Amino acid sequence: MQILDGKKAAQAIKDVLQIDVAQRANEGKKIPHLAAILVGNNGASETYVAAKVKACEETGFKSTLIRMDPDTTEFRLLEKIEELNADPDVDGILVQLPLPKSIDDKKVINAIDPSKDVDGFHPMSVGKMVEGLPTFLPATPYGIMLMLEHYKVETKGKHAVVIGRSNIVGRPMSILLSANKNPGNCTVTICHSHTANLKEICLQADIIVAALGIPEFLKADMVKDGAVIIDVGITRVEDSSRKSGFRLKGDVDYDAVAAKSSWITPVPGGVGPMTIAALMKNTYNACDTKN
């Protein structure tokens, strides 16, 4: 069993970006600028946004964090997005999800200029991804593909099972794994809450991407020997023995499954850092394409 260490792979990507940004600066070119909007004070969202701002600092990007009150109206948020769309200094815009229930996520995502959609959620970005055209890829699936590339994990001709069908991870993951690229060229099965014989399907998989948000859902008896396991889940579970009062668990029963796998991502330290690294690459490309 080998660890797919997201921290190391992400650092390698950020090191290259740091060099590229420094070179742009030396040539008098524009420095990438990422603007993040955080509505409310959700603890997990605070953590994620702080990590993204830190990544910008490490790579030499410019970053702007816009905090908005929990009772911010949808209209006000859309106004702020329009301001950022019109700002030529801003290359990438991300709105941290989840948003308050009073705000329509889709309307917000659709309002972002596709040329600044570094989260890869805009319908135009999704459509280009499906067509195999150059575009911003959703950060988590893109990060996973970068991780597979970094560790030279063989995917060609493999059977990949994706558990979860969200527009953020599951569906785009299936598209990228099946694409005629390296990594890619997998035969992909998407599973979800209504899938019959899920265990039997997983036992056929060479690669399993668990992205359904249920702690320790994937058990050892669902995994064949030598499978590659990608754990996208991250759930806060109460733990009175921890100073924080909680610990993080993935969708995979890690200790039991690790013993059977060839490669496996830890939680934390696996997919999470790669998501941020992919976001940084998208932001750099948004800047480089226009400047």
Foldseek 3Di string as FASTA:
>chain_A
DAELFLVVLLVVLLVVLLVVQVVCVVVVHAAFEEEEEEEDCPPVLVVLVVVLCVSCVSSVHHYHYHYHYLPDAQVVLLVVLVVLQPDPNHLAYDYGDDHPPNHDPLVNLCSHDQLRHLQQQHPVSVVCLLVVHDGRHHLLLVLVQSSCVVVVPALAAFEEEEEDDDSRPRVSNQSQQCDPDVNHNHRYDYHYPPDPPQLVSLCRGQEYEYDDQDFQQAAQSSHAAAHAYHWPHWDWAADCVDPVRTDIGTNHPCVGNVVRYPYYYDPPRGSSSSSSSSSVVSSVCSSVVVD
